């Protein structure tokens, strides 16, 4: 029978004689999760790389319009570390209403000043300029819209304007389609 003797070495429980596996050679795992409006947390698994955790979270957020989510996080856990020091919150995103598509699919990272709509066919975004930290970039890929503004509120306003213009054009277009359908139906009956 294998001995389960562990020693506390530098704040980690270790079996000094055991060889380390691929997973614990880095000593870290990444856990994406979301928080529903009612307070229920949904964990999405435990992954060996931050990149995989991000891909899983992004895929889940792509379906966020089907749920009432408030927050998303990726936490790094150090394997075999006792206490609070074993956990590092890498990112916290807040779910907001998208200024363009008006769905709760706009995920905002306030620490890194970035936001992205994960709603289908939207992808509106806001981020701090990589060239000048005083500038905020915002855009909406379907129209190839890109604008640089002075503050986050101005970026939201630019995207709200795009959203309102798109909504107005859809309303006008749907009326034209309805009218065409109506006209074609009347021609057949006359």
Protein backbone atom coordinates (compact mmCIF):
# COMPACT_ATOMS: atom_id res chain seq x y z
CA UNK A 1 0.00 0.00 0.00
CA UNK A 2 1.33 3.44 -0.97
CA UNK A 3 2.26 5.77 1.86
CA UNK A 4 0.41 9.08 1.96
CA UNK A 5 3.09 10.96 3.90
CA UNK A 6 3.07 14.64 3.02
CA UNK A 7 5.32 17.41 4.23
CA UNK A 8 4.52 21.11 4.36
CA UNK A 9 7.32 22.65 2.27
CA UNK A 10 7.24 26.40 1.53
CA UNK A 11 3.50 26.55 2.18
CA UNK A 12 2.73 23.56 -0.09
CA UNK A 13 1.84 20.01 0.81
CA UNK A 14 4.26 17.76 -1.05
CA UNK A 15 5.32 14.15 -1.17
CA UNK A 16 9.06 14.64 -1.23
CA UNK A 17 9.75 11.27 -2.84
CA UNK A 18 7.02 11.34 -5.49
CA UNK A 19 7.64 12.45 -9.04
CA UNK A 20 5.51 15.37 -10.20
CA UNK A 21 2.95 14.87 -12.96
CA UNK A 22 2.42 17.14 -15.98
CA UNK A 23 -0.54 18.89 -14.33
CA UNK A 24 1.24 19.83 -11.14
CA UNK A 25 4.60 20.63 -12.76
CA UNK A 26 3.31 24.17 -13.17
CA UNK A 27 1.54 23.94 -9.84
CA UNK A 28 -1.37 26.04 -11.06
CA UNK A 29 -4.88 25.44 -12.40
CA UNK A 30 -7.34 27.94 -13.89
CA UNK A 31 -11.02 28.03 -13.02
CA UNK A 32 -13.54 30.09 -15.02
CA UNK A 33 -16.95 30.68 -13.44
CA UNK A 34 -20.01 32.92 -13.72
CA UNK A 35 -22.45 34.30 -11.19
CA UNK A 36 -26.17 34.35 -11.95
CA UNK A 37 -28.42 37.22 -10.84
CA UNK A 38 -29.86 35.03 -8.06
CA UNK A 39 -26.38 34.46 -6.60
CA UNK A 40 -25.87 30.96 -7.99
CA UNK A 41 -22.27 30.34 -9.09
CA UNK A 42 -21.60 28.15 -12.13
CA UNK A 43 -18.13 26.64 -12.39
CA UNK A 44 -16.96 25.60 -15.84
CA UNK A 45 -14.15 23.27 -14.91
CA UNK A 46 -10.52 23.31 -13.92
CA UNK A 47 -7.94 23.81 -16.67
CA UNK A 48 -4.18 23.47 -17.01
CA UNK A 49 -3.67 26.74 -18.90
CA UNK A 50 -5.11 30.23 -18.70
CA UNK A 51 -5.69 30.19 -22.46
CA UNK A 52 -7.98 27.15 -22.24
CA UNK A 53 -9.87 28.74 -19.33
CA UNK A 54 -10.40 31.92 -21.42
CA UNK A 55 -11.64 29.93 -24.43
CA UNK A 56 -14.15 28.05 -22.26
CA UNK A 57 -15.34 31.30 -20.64
CA UNK A 58 -15.66 33.12 -23.99
CA UNK A 59 -17.68 30.24 -25.43
CA UNK A 60 -19.99 30.31 -22.40
CA UNK A 61 -20.38 34.11 -22.57
CA UNK A 62 -21.42 33.73 -26.21
CA UNK A 63 -24.60 32.15 -24.83
CA UNK A 64 -25.04 34.66 -22.01
CA UNK A 65 -28.11 36.22 -23.64
CA UNK A 66 -29.98 33.01 -22.73
CA UNK A 67 -29.25 33.48 -19.01
CA UNK A 68 -29.33 36.25 -16.43
CA UNK A 69 -25.63 36.52 -15.58
CA UNK A 70 -24.04 39.30 -13.55
CA UNK A 71 -20.37 38.45 -13.28
CA UNK A 72 -17.68 36.20 -14.73
CA UNK A 73 -14.26 35.42 -13.29
CA UNK A 74 -11.13 33.44 -13.97
CA UNK A 75 -9.26 32.41 -10.86
CA UNK A 76 -5.83 30.79 -10.74
CA UNK A 77 -5.36 28.28 -7.95
CA UNK A 78 -1.89 27.19 -6.90
CA UNK A 79 -1.89 23.46 -6.26
CA UNK A 80 -1.19 22.33 -2.68
CA UNK A 81 -1.05 25.86 -1.23
CA UNK A 82 -2.78 26.33 2.09
CA UNK A 83 -4.93 29.40 2.73
CA UNK A 84 -5.80 32.53 0.76
CA UNK A 85 -2.38 32.71 -0.87
CA UNK A 86 -3.32 29.79 -3.09
CA UNK A 87 -5.85 31.82 -5.09
CA UNK A 88 -5.34 34.72 -7.50
CA UNK A 89 -8.27 36.41 -9.25
CA UNK A 90 -6.96 37.03 -12.76
CA UNK A 91 -10.00 38.81 -14.14
CA UNK A 92 -13.47 39.87 -13.12
CA UNK A 93 -15.99 40.83 -15.78
CA UNK A 94 -19.33 42.51 -15.14
CA UNK A 95 -22.33 41.78 -17.37
CA UNK A 96 -23.99 44.92 -18.74
CA UNK A 97 -26.59 45.82 -21.34
CA UNK A 98 -24.87 46.24 -24.71
CA UNK A 99 -25.19 49.83 -25.96
CA UNK A 100 -25.64 48.55 -29.53
CA UNK A 101 -27.79 45.39 -29.46
CA UNK A 102 -29.50 46.08 -26.09
CA UNK A 103 -28.91 42.54 -24.79
CA UNK A 104 -27.19 41.68 -21.51
CA UNK A 105 -24.14 40.38 -23.37
CA UNK A 106 -21.66 43.26 -22.87
CA UNK A 107 -18.90 42.06 -20.56
CA UNK A 108 -16.82 44.82 -18.95
CA UNK A 109 -13.39 44.44 -17.34
CA UNK A 110 -13.07 47.66 -15.35
CA UNK A 111 -9.55 46.90 -14.13
CA UNK A 112 -8.17 46.70 -17.68
CA UNK A 113 -10.68 49.15 -19.18
CA UNK A 114 -12.05 46.86 -21.85
CA UNK A 115 -15.49 45.57 -22.82
CA UNK A 116 -16.85 43.25 -25.48
CA UNK A 117 -20.34 42.17 -26.52
CA UNK A 118 -20.51 38.39 -26.83
CA UNK A 119 -24.00 38.55 -28.34
CA UNK A 120 -24.52 36.85 -31.66
CA UNK A 121 -23.80 39.16 -34.62
CA UNK A 122 -22.79 42.16 -32.48
CA UNK A 123 -19.23 42.26 -31.04
CA UNK A 124 -19.35 45.93 -30.00
CA UNK A 125 -16.22 46.77 -28.02
CA UNK A 126 -14.48 49.41 -25.91
CA UNK A 127 -10.85 49.44 -24.76
CA UNK A 128 -8.11 51.76 -23.68
CA UNK A 129 -5.87 52.79 -26.58
CA UNK A 130 -2.61 50.89 -26.78
CA UNK A 131 -0.90 54.01 -28.18
CA UNK A 132 -2.24 56.73 -25.85
CA UNK A 133 -3.67 55.79 -22.42
CA UNK A 134 -5.66 59.05 -22.42
CA UNK A 135 -7.73 57.80 -25.40
CA UNK A 136 -10.53 55.23 -25.42
CA UNK A 137 -11.14 53.22 -28.59
CA UNK A 138 -14.58 51.84 -29.40
CA UNK A 139 -16.08 50.06 -32.34
CA UNK A 140 -18.72 47.92 -33.93
CA UNK A 141 -17.29 45.41 -36.47
CA UNK A 142 -20.43 44.80 -38.59
CA UNK A 143 -20.26 48.43 -39.80
CA UNK A 144 -16.48 48.67 -39.49
CA UNK A 145 -17.13 51.55 -37.11
CA UNK A 146 -14.11 52.73 -35.12
CA UNK A 147 -13.86 55.86 -33.04
CA UNK A 148 -11.42 57.34 -30.54
CA UNK A 149 -12.88 59.35 -27.66
CA UNK A 150 -11.70 60.97 -24.43
CA UNK A 151 -13.62 58.95 -21.83
CA UNK A 152 -15.63 55.79 -21.25
CA UNK A 153 -19.00 57.56 -21.14
CA UNK A 154 -18.36 59.12 -24.53
CA UNK A 155 -17.52 55.64 -25.89
CA UNK A 156 -20.82 54.28 -24.55
CA UNK A 157 -22.66 57.22 -26.13
CA UNK A 158 -21.04 56.59 -29.53
CA UNK A 159 -22.07 52.93 -29.39
CA UNK A 160 -25.60 53.85 -28.22
CA UNK A 161 -25.91 56.13 -31.26
CA UNK A 162 -24.86 53.26 -33.56
CA UNK A 163 -27.39 51.00 -31.83
CA UNK A 164 -30.18 53.54 -32.22
CA UNK A 165 -29.33 54.06 -35.92
CA UNK A 166 -29.31 50.31 -36.54
CA UNK A 167 -32.62 49.86 -34.70
CA UNK A 168 -34.18 52.69 -36.72
CA UNK A 169 -32.97 51.17 -39.99
CA UNK A 170 -34.30 47.74 -39.01
CA UNK A 171 -37.70 49.24 -38.18
CA UNK A 172 -37.80 50.99 -41.55
CA UNK A 173 -36.62 47.88 -43.38
CA UNK A 174 -39.10 45.55 -41.68
CA UNK A 175 -41.93 47.94 -42.63
CA UNK A 176 -40.82 47.85 -46.27
CA UNK A 177 -40.71 44.05 -46.21
CA UNK A 178 -44.16 43.94 -44.60
CA UNK A 179 -45.50 46.38 -47.19
CA UNK A 180 -44.02 44.33 -50.06
CA UNK A 181 -45.56 41.16 -48.66
CA UNK A 182 -48.91 42.94 -48.25
CA UNK A 183 -48.76 44.29 -51.81
CA UNK A 184 -47.92 40.89 -53.29
CA UNK A 185 -50.80 39.27 -51.36
CA UNK A 186 -53.26 41.89 -52.59
CA UNK A 187 -52.18 41.43 -56.21
CA UNK A 188 -52.91 37.72 -56.05
CA UNK A 189 -56.43 38.22 -54.64
CA UNK A 190 -57.41 41.05 -57.00
